[in-house]
Amino acid sequence: MRIDIITLFPQMFTGAFAESIIGRARSSGRVDIAVHNLRDYTYDRHRTVDDTPYGGGSGMVLKPEPLYEAVTKVKSLPVGFMREPKRLTVFMTPQGQQFKQETARSLTGIDQLILVCGHYEGFDERARVLLADMEISIGDFVLTGGEIPAMAVTDAVVRLLPGVLGDEYSKHEESFTENLLEYPHYTRPRSFMGLEVPEVLLSGNHGEIAKWRRKMALERTKARRPDLLEDGSGLKR
């Protein structure tokens, strides 16, 4: 898989993508990540990427020309040896659909994922219409730009790629996999500050352990995120 990120601040990604699971996935060749500076796709001496909004108002708006140049160029880059790779351009914006685990899973089927980081007051609407296949938001809050959301999307997608996680089974038991939060975890020591590891986890009975974990996951989800237990009709599962 190839992931291209278009941003005004490429240095923000240096450390985030060089460490931990993503760093290892890049080193092993399981994912190719490239970061592109939007200013490299301008043609004036000031490398201008924004301008004042028509109709007045505060702030600046990202111009359509450099965005079009950047996305068009990046989409022309080769992706492995595939003749017709699946490419998807995603604009990171608070106006996008909420990013969920199921979204991350669906994006693993893309050969080239292009993430475009918003800034200032956002994108010129014509760039959105012409270029965006999807728009994603990571939550109902405002950040200074789309870089941190792009990092979050990249992390969530890359860890789901085949061979990236050391324990392939673990990603099937994580929070949100079945619209449930994950059950409590324990490790050594058996007793800490008067708190004990539940006896069932020490029993060696894997059937009972599975039942306990399922029960705890349901209870924790009901207490903390009851909205996850609703099906499409609004009814509780």
C-alpha atoms as a PDB file:
ATOM      1  CA  MET A   1       0.000   0.000   0.000  1.00  0.00           C
ATOM      2  CA  ARG A   2       1.122   3.554  -0.715  1.00  0.00           C
ATOM      3  CA  ILE A   3       0.043   6.551   1.370  1.00  0.00           C
ATOM      4  CA  ASP A   4       0.738  10.100   0.150  1.00  0.00           C
ATOM      5  CA  ILE A   5       0.148  13.081   2.417  1.00  0.00           C
ATOM      6  CA  ILE A   6      -0.136  16.629   1.083  1.00  0.00           C
ATOM      7  CA  THR A   7       0.567  19.239   3.736  1.00  0.00           C
ATOM      8  CA  LEU A   8       1.984  22.687   4.458  1.00  0.00           C
ATOM      9  CA  PHE A   9       4.080  21.256   7.295  1.00  0.00           C
ATOM     10  CA  PRO A  10       5.872  18.084   6.129  1.00  0.00           C
ATOM     11  CA  GLN A  11       8.338  18.083   9.030  1.00  0.00           C
ATOM     12  CA  MET A  12       5.508  17.326  11.448  1.00  0.00           C
ATOM     13  CA  PHE A  13       5.416  13.755  10.129  1.00  0.00           C
ATOM     14  CA  THR A  14       9.102  12.916  10.445  1.00  0.00           C
ATOM     15  CA  GLY A  15       9.113  11.516  13.967  1.00  0.00           C
ATOM     16  CA  ALA A  16       5.590  10.119  13.908  1.00  0.00           C
ATOM     17  CA  PHE A  17       6.274   7.894  10.916  1.00  0.00           C
ATOM     18  CA  ALA A  18       9.781   6.802  11.871  1.00  0.00           C
ATOM     19  CA  GLU A  19       8.937   5.108  15.156  1.00  0.00           C
ATOM     20  CA  SER A  20       7.044   2.110  16.502  1.00  0.00           C
ATOM     21  CA  ILE A  21       4.717   0.044  14.315  1.00  0.00           C
ATOM     22  CA  ILE A  22       4.574   2.477  11.401  1.00  0.00           C
ATOM     23  CA  GLY A  23       8.353   2.794  11.326  1.00  0.00           C
ATOM     24  CA  ARG A  24       8.735  -0.995  11.226  1.00  0.00           C
ATOM     25  CA  ALA A  25       6.035  -1.336   8.564  1.00  0.00           C
ATOM     26  CA  ARG A  26       7.886   1.151   6.367  1.00  0.00           C
ATOM     27  CA  SER A  27      11.234  -0.547   6.926  1.00  0.00           C
ATOM     28  CA  SER A  28       9.782  -3.940   6.002  1.00  0.00           C
ATOM     29  CA  GLY A  29       8.208  -2.571   2.826  1.00  0.00           C
ATOM     30  CA  ARG A  30       4.619  -3.293   3.887  1.00  0.00           C
ATOM     31  CA  VAL A  31       3.682   0.346   3.351  1.00  0.00           C
ATOM     32  CA  ASP A  32       5.232   3.205   1.406  1.00  0.00           C
ATOM     33  CA  ILE A  33       4.542   6.640   2.921  1.00  0.00           C
ATOM     34  CA  ALA A  34       5.489   9.898   1.188  1.00  0.00           C
ATOM     35  CA  VAL A  35       4.883  13.426   2.445  1.00  0.00           C
ATOM     36  CA  HIS A  36       4.541  16.300  -0.057  1.00  0.00           C
ATOM     37  CA  ASN A  37       4.834  20.035   0.617  1.00  0.00           C
ATOM     38  CA  LEU A  38       1.864  21.852  -0.918  1.00  0.00           C
ATOM     39  CA  ARG A  39       4.067  24.897  -1.565  1.00  0.00           C
ATOM     40  CA  ASP A  40       6.115  22.843  -4.039  1.00  0.00           C
ATOM     41  CA  TYR A  41       3.110  22.947  -6.361  1.00  0.00           C
ATOM     42  CA  THR A  42       2.901  26.742  -6.660  1.00  0.00           C
ATOM     43  CA  TYR A  43       4.320  28.862  -9.463  1.00  0.00           C
ATOM     44  CA  ASP A  44       4.729  32.334  -7.968  1.00  0.00           C
ATOM     45  CA  ARG A  45       7.901  33.474  -6.219  1.00  0.00           C
ATOM     46  CA  HIS A  46       6.127  33.738  -2.860  1.00  0.00           C
ATOM     47  CA  ARG A  47       4.847  30.137  -3.108  1.00  0.00           C
ATOM     48  CA  THR A  48       1.337  31.313  -2.265  1.00  0.00           C
ATOM     49  CA  VAL A  49      -1.155  28.644  -1.212  1.00  0.00           C
ATOM     50  CA  ASP A  50      -3.932  30.769   0.329  1.00  0.00           C
ATOM     51  CA  ASP A  51      -5.942  33.914  -0.261  1.00  0.00           C
ATOM     52  CA  THR A  52      -8.747  35.963   1.290  1.00  0.00           C
ATOM     53  CA  PRO A  53     -12.292  34.604   0.897  1.00  0.00           C
ATOM     54  CA  TYR A  54     -14.721  36.023  -1.622  1.00  0.00           C
ATOM     55  CA  GLY A  55     -17.600  37.690   0.160  1.00  0.00           C
ATOM     56  CA  GLY A  56     -15.437  38.812   3.035  1.00  0.00           C
ATOM     57  CA  GLY A  57     -14.847  37.259   6.420  1.00  0.00           C
ATOM     58  CA  SER A  58     -11.910  36.442   8.627  1.00  0.00           C
ATOM     59  CA  GLY A  59      -9.129  33.996   7.863  1.00  0.00           C
ATOM     60  CA  MET A  60      -7.679  32.638   4.653  1.00  0.00           C
ATOM     61  CA  VAL A  61      -8.746  29.902   2.251  1.00  0.00           C
ATOM     62  CA  LEU A  62      -6.509  27.344   0.538  1.00  0.00           C
ATOM     63  CA  LYS A  63      -6.374  28.137  -3.178  1.00  0.00           C
ATOM     64  CA  PRO A  64      -7.609  25.571  -5.710  1.00  0.00           C
ATOM     65  CA  GLU A  65      -4.641  25.754  -8.122  1.00  0.00           C
ATOM     66  CA  PRO A  66      -1.870  24.324  -5.901  1.00  0.00           C
ATOM     67  CA  LEU A  67      -4.243  21.710  -4.505  1.00  0.00           C
ATOM     68  CA  TYR A  68      -5.178  20.609  -8.022  1.00  0.00           C
ATOM     69  CA  GLU A  69      -1.541  20.520  -9.118  1.00  0.00           C
ATOM     70  CA  ALA A  70      -0.479  18.538  -6.054  1.00  0.00           C
ATOM     71  CA  VAL A  71      -3.221  15.913  -6.135  1.00  0.00           C
ATOM     72  CA  THR A  72      -2.970  15.456  -9.912  1.00  0.00           C
ATOM     73  CA  LYS A  73       0.788  14.976  -9.729  1.00  0.00           C
ATOM     74  CA  VAL A  74       0.652  12.587  -6.779  1.00  0.00           C
ATOM     75  CA  LYS A  75      -2.078  10.523  -8.453  1.00  0.00           C
ATOM     76  CA  SER A  76       0.214  10.002 -11.441  1.00  0.00           C
ATOM     77  CA  LEU A  77       2.935   8.370  -9.325  1.00  0.00           C
ATOM     78  CA  PRO A  78       3.487   4.634  -9.878  1.00  0.00           C
ATOM     79  CA  VAL A  79       2.077   2.217  -7.327  1.00  0.00           C
ATOM     80  CA  GLY A  80       3.981  -1.062  -7.408  1.00  0.00           C
ATOM     81  CA  PHE A  81       3.504  -3.005 -10.611  1.00  0.00           C
ATOM     82  CA  MET A  82      -0.264  -2.599 -10.825  1.00  0.00           C
ATOM     83  CA  ARG A  83      -1.630  -1.301 -14.125  1.00  0.00           C
ATOM     84  CA  GLU A  84      -4.823   0.181 -12.664  1.00  0.00           C
ATOM     85  CA  PRO A  85      -4.328   0.714  -8.920  1.00  0.00           C
ATOM     86  CA  LYS A  86      -7.206   1.758  -6.701  1.00  0.00           C
ATOM     87  CA  ARG A  87      -6.556   5.371  -5.711  1.00  0.00           C
ATOM     88  CA  LEU A  88      -8.549   7.413  -3.204  1.00  0.00           C
ATOM     89  CA  THR A  89      -8.139  11.102  -2.393  1.00  0.00           C
ATOM     90  CA  VAL A  90      -9.293  12.062   1.100  1.00  0.00           C
ATOM     91  CA  PHE A  91      -9.590  15.624   2.370  1.00  0.00           C
ATOM     92  CA  MET A  92      -9.094  15.960   6.125  1.00  0.00           C
ATOM     93  CA  THR A  93     -11.784  18.390   7.262  1.00  0.00           C
ATOM     94  CA  PRO A  94     -14.186  18.879  10.206  1.00  0.00           C
ATOM     95  CA  GLN A  95     -16.998  18.711   7.642  1.00  0.00           C
ATOM     96  CA  GLY A  96     -16.130  15.131   6.687  1.00  0.00           C
ATOM     97  CA  GLN A  97     -17.700  11.869   7.799  1.00  0.00           C
ATOM     98  CA  GLN A  98     -16.629  10.609  11.203  1.00  0.00           C
ATOM     99  CA  PHE A  99     -13.629   8.315  11.055  1.00  0.00           C
ATOM    100  CA  LYS A 100     -14.339   4.904  12.590  1.00  0.00           C
ATOM    101  CA  GLN A 101     -12.643   1.538  12.807  1.00  0.00           C
ATOM    102  CA  GLU A 102     -14.775   0.245   9.956  1.00  0.00           C
ATOM    103  CA  THR A 103     -13.553   3.173   7.852  1.00  0.00           C
ATOM    104  CA  ALA A 104      -9.958   2.217   8.595  1.00  0.00           C
ATOM    105  CA  ARG A 105     -10.655  -1.372   7.560  1.00  0.00           C
ATOM    106  CA  SER A 106     -12.223  -0.267   4.278  1.00  0.00           C
ATOM    107  CA  LEU A 107      -9.212   1.909   3.446  1.00  0.00           C
ATOM    108  CA  THR A 108      -6.831  -1.053   3.662  1.00  0.00           C
ATOM    109  CA  GLY A 109      -8.229  -2.166   0.312  1.00  0.00           C
ATOM    110  CA  ILE A 110      -6.911   0.964  -1.409  1.00  0.00           C
ATOM    111  CA  ASP A 111      -3.611   0.772  -3.304  1.00  0.00           C
ATOM    112  CA  GLN A 112      -2.850   4.511  -3.060  1.00  0.00           C
ATOM    113  CA  LEU A 113      -4.394   6.611  -0.297  1.00  0.00           C
ATOM    114  CA  ILE A 114      -3.892  10.373  -0.716  1.00  0.00           C
ATOM    115  CA  LEU A 115      -4.562  12.435   2.425  1.00  0.00           C
ATOM    116  CA  VAL A 116      -4.877  16.200   1.947  1.00  0.00           C
ATOM    117  CA  CYS A 117      -4.427  18.284   5.109  1.00  0.00           C
ATOM    118  CA  GLY A 118      -6.652  21.300   5.497  1.00  0.00           C
ATOM    119  CA  HIS A 119      -5.598  24.593   7.091  1.00  0.00           C
ATOM    120  CA  TYR A 120      -6.824  28.119   7.799  1.00  0.00           C
ATOM    121  CA  GLU A 121     -10.555  28.381   6.994  1.00  0.00           C
ATOM    122  CA  GLY A 122     -10.410  25.298   4.805  1.00  0.00           C
ATOM    123  CA  PHE A 123     -10.380  24.444   1.112  1.00  0.00           C
ATOM    124  CA  ASP A 124     -11.703  26.398  -1.848  1.00  0.00           C
ATOM    125  CA  GLU A 125     -14.953  24.566  -2.600  1.00  0.00           C
ATOM    126  CA  ARG A 126     -13.899  23.911  -6.202  1.00  0.00           C
ATOM    127  CA  ALA A 127     -10.917  21.878  -5.001  1.00  0.00           C
ATOM    128  CA  ARG A 128     -13.255  19.746  -2.909  1.00  0.00           C
ATOM    129  CA  VAL A 129     -15.626  19.194  -5.832  1.00  0.00           C
ATOM    130  CA  LEU A 130     -12.892  18.365  -8.337  1.00  0.00           C
ATOM    131  CA  LEU A 131     -10.513  16.336  -6.188  1.00  0.00           C
ATOM    132  CA  ALA A 132     -12.031  14.811  -3.040  1.00  0.00           C
ATOM    133  CA  ASP A 133     -13.318  11.237  -3.271  1.00  0.00           C
ATOM    134  CA  MET A 134     -13.999  11.293   0.472  1.00  0.00           C
ATOM    135  CA  GLU A 135     -13.838  13.753   3.358  1.00  0.00           C
ATOM    136  CA  ILE A 136     -12.926  12.587   6.852  1.00  0.00           C
ATOM    137  CA  SER A 137     -13.163  14.116  10.323  1.00  0.00           C
ATOM    138  CA  ILE A 138     -11.662  12.453  13.402  1.00  0.00           C
ATOM    139  CA  GLY A 139     -14.106  14.085  15.808  1.00  0.00           C
ATOM    140  CA  ASP A 140     -16.278  17.022  16.750  1.00  0.00           C
ATOM    141  CA  PHE A 141     -13.498  19.381  17.736  1.00  0.00           C
ATOM    142  CA  VAL A 142     -11.265  21.866  15.947  1.00  0.00           C
ATOM    143  CA  LEU A 143      -7.513  21.492  15.438  1.00  0.00           C
ATOM    144  CA  THR A 144      -5.031  23.881  13.883  1.00  0.00           C
ATOM    145  CA  GLY A 145      -4.800  21.759  10.752  1.00  0.00           C
ATOM    146  CA  GLY A 146      -5.286  18.365   9.147  1.00  0.00           C
ATOM    147  CA  GLU A 147      -1.846  16.997   9.991  1.00  0.00           C
ATOM    148  CA  ILE A 148      -2.711  15.270  13.268  1.00  0.00           C
ATOM    149  CA  PRO A 149      -5.894  13.771  11.766  1.00  0.00           C
ATOM    150  CA  ALA A 150      -3.831  12.508   8.812  1.00  0.00           C
ATOM    151  CA  MET A 151      -1.406  10.874  11.252  1.00  0.00           C
ATOM    152  CA  ALA A 152      -4.308   9.233  13.084  1.00  0.00           C
ATOM    153  CA  VAL A 153      -5.833   7.868   9.881  1.00  0.00           C
ATOM    154  CA  THR A 154      -2.465   6.603   8.691  1.00  0.00           C
ATOM    155  CA  ASP A 155      -1.771   4.865  11.998  1.00  0.00           C
ATOM    156  CA  ALA A 156      -5.213   3.238  12.129  1.00  0.00           C
ATOM    157  CA  VAL A 157      -4.947   1.958   8.545  1.00  0.00           C
ATOM    158  CA  VAL A 158      -1.330   0.798   8.540  1.00  0.00           C
ATOM    159  CA  ARG A 159      -1.667  -1.355  11.658  1.00  0.00           C
ATOM    160  CA  LEU A 160      -4.459  -3.299   9.928  1.00  0.00           C
ATOM    161  CA  LEU A 161      -2.327  -4.225   6.907  1.00  0.00           C
ATOM    162  CA  PRO A 162      -1.335  -7.908   6.684  1.00  0.00           C
ATOM    163  CA  GLY A 163       1.854  -8.698   8.572  1.00  0.00           C
ATOM    164  CA  VAL A 164       2.179  -5.316  10.290  1.00  0.00           C
ATOM    165  CA  LEU A 165       1.119  -6.433  13.781  1.00  0.00           C
ATOM    166  CA  GLY A 166       3.127  -9.176  15.416  1.00  0.00           C
ATOM    167  CA  ASP A 167      -0.013 -10.847  16.791  1.00  0.00           C
ATOM    168  CA  GLU A 168      -2.549 -10.988  13.963  1.00  0.00           C
ATOM    169  CA  TYR A 169      -5.229 -12.241  16.375  1.00  0.00           C
ATOM    170  CA  SER A 170      -4.946  -9.178  18.599  1.00  0.00           C
ATOM    171  CA  LYS A 171      -6.517  -6.794  16.106  1.00  0.00           C
ATOM    172  CA  HIS A 172      -9.690  -8.898  16.115  1.00  0.00           C
ATOM    173  CA  GLU A 173     -10.131  -8.395  19.888  1.00  0.00           C
ATOM    174  CA  GLU A 174      -9.542  -4.655  20.027  1.00  0.00           C
ATOM    175  CA  SER A 175     -11.967  -1.899  20.940  1.00  0.00           C
ATOM    176  CA  PHE A 176     -14.578  -1.087  18.255  1.00  0.00           C
ATOM    177  CA  THR A 177     -13.956  -4.336  16.334  1.00  0.00           C
ATOM    178  CA  GLU A 178     -17.494  -5.503  17.183  1.00  0.00           C
ATOM    179  CA  ASN A 179     -18.769  -2.093  18.290  1.00  0.00           C
ATOM    180  CA  LEU A 180     -17.547  -2.928  21.792  1.00  0.00           C
ATOM    181  CA  LEU A 181     -14.901  -1.388  23.967  1.00  0.00           C
ATOM    182  CA  GLU A 182     -12.156  -3.795  24.958  1.00  0.00           C
ATOM    183  CA  TYR A 183     -12.305  -5.825  28.178  1.00  0.00           C
ATOM    184  CA  PRO A 184      -9.927  -5.026  31.113  1.00  0.00           C
ATOM    185  CA  HIS A 185      -6.351  -6.294  30.850  1.00  0.00           C
ATOM    186  CA  TYR A 186      -4.048  -7.538  33.614  1.00  0.00           C
ATOM    187  CA  THR A 187      -0.419  -8.620  33.844  1.00  0.00           C
ATOM    188  CA  ARG A 188       2.060  -9.406  36.636  1.00  0.00           C
ATOM    189  CA  PRO A 189       2.150  -8.902  39.594  1.00  0.00           C
ATOM    190  CA  ARG A 190      -0.929 -10.850  40.682  1.00  0.00           C
ATOM    191  CA  SER A 191      -1.567  -8.407  43.527  1.00  0.00           C
ATOM    192  CA  PHE A 192      -0.843  -4.668  43.392  1.00  0.00           C
ATOM    193  CA  MET A 193      -1.757  -2.026  45.972  1.00  0.00           C
ATOM    194  CA  GLY A 194      -4.473  -4.323  47.325  1.00  0.00           C
ATOM    195  CA  LEU A 195      -6.003  -4.934  43.889  1.00  0.00           C
ATOM    196  CA  GLU A 196      -6.111  -8.544  42.666  1.00  0.00           C
ATOM    197  CA  VAL A 197      -6.213 -10.107  39.217  1.00  0.00           C
ATOM    198  CA  PRO A 198      -9.656 -11.736  38.686  1.00  0.00           C
ATOM    199  CA  GLU A 199      -9.494 -15.440  39.523  1.00  0.00           C
ATOM    200  CA  VAL A 200     -11.020 -16.487  36.205  1.00  0.00           C
ATOM    201  CA  LEU A 201      -7.939 -15.210  34.370  1.00  0.00           C
ATOM    202  CA  LEU A 202      -5.762 -17.506  36.456  1.00  0.00           C
ATOM    203  CA  SER A 203      -7.966 -20.584  35.966  1.00  0.00           C
ATOM    204  CA  GLY A 204      -6.592 -21.755  32.634  1.00  0.00           C
ATOM    205  CA  ASN A 205     -10.172 -22.358  31.489  1.00  0.00           C
ATOM    206  CA  HIS A 206     -10.187 -20.583  28.127  1.00  0.00           C
ATOM    207  CA  GLY A 207     -13.930 -20.981  27.653  1.00  0.00           C
ATOM    208  CA  GLU A 208     -14.690 -19.243  30.939  1.00  0.00           C
ATOM    209  CA  ILE A 209     -12.074 -16.593  30.243  1.00  0.00           C
ATOM    210  CA  ALA A 210     -13.717 -15.836  26.877  1.00  0.00           C
ATOM    211  CA  LYS A 211     -17.122 -15.531  28.564  1.00  0.00           C
ATOM    212  CA  TRP A 212     -15.719 -13.194  31.238  1.00  0.00           C
ATOM    213  CA  ARG A 213     -14.020 -11.008  28.652  1.00  0.00           C
ATOM    214  CA  ARG A 214     -17.186 -10.748  26.588  1.00  0.00           C
ATOM    215  CA  LYS A 215     -19.215  -9.870  29.690  1.00  0.00           C
ATOM    216  CA  MET A 216     -16.709  -7.208  30.758  1.00  0.00           C
ATOM    217  CA  ALA A 217     -16.599  -5.739  27.249  1.00  0.00           C
ATOM    218  CA  LEU A 218     -20.383  -5.420  27.186  1.00  0.00           C
ATOM    219  CA  GLU A 219     -20.529  -3.893  30.670  1.00  0.00           C
ATOM    220  CA  ARG A 220     -17.769  -1.399  29.928  1.00  0.00           C
ATOM    221  CA  THR A 221     -19.369  -0.390  26.623  1.00  0.00           C
ATOM    222  CA  LYS A 222     -22.778   0.020  28.278  1.00  0.00           C
ATOM    223  CA  ALA A 223     -21.279   2.227  30.979  1.00  0.00           C
ATOM    224  CA  ARG A 224     -18.950   4.339  28.830  1.00  0.00           C
ATOM    225  CA  ARG A 225     -20.246   4.250  25.243  1.00  0.00           C
ATOM    226  CA  PRO A 226     -23.869   3.050  25.190  1.00  0.00           C
ATOM    227  CA  ASP A 227     -24.250   4.562  21.719  1.00  0.00           C
ATOM    228  CA  LEU A 228     -22.076   1.746  20.353  1.00  0.00           C
ATOM    229  CA  LEU A 229     -24.668  -0.820  21.416  1.00  0.00           C
ATOM    230  CA  GLU A 230     -27.374   0.651  19.193  1.00  0.00           C
ATOM    231  CA  ASP A 231     -28.074  -0.994  15.853  1.00  0.00           C
ATOM    232  CA  GLY A 232     -29.068   0.945  12.757  1.00  0.00           C
ATOM    233  CA  SER A 233     -32.661   1.289  13.925  1.00  0.00           C
ATOM    234  CA  GLY A 234     -31.647   2.887  17.206  1.00  0.00           C
ATOM    235  CA  LEU A 235     -32.526  -0.235  19.185  1.00  0.00           C
ATOM    236  CA  LYS A 236     -30.158  -1.615  21.804  1.00  0.00           C
ATOM    237  CA  ARG A 237     -28.385  -4.872  21.001  1.00  0.00           C
END
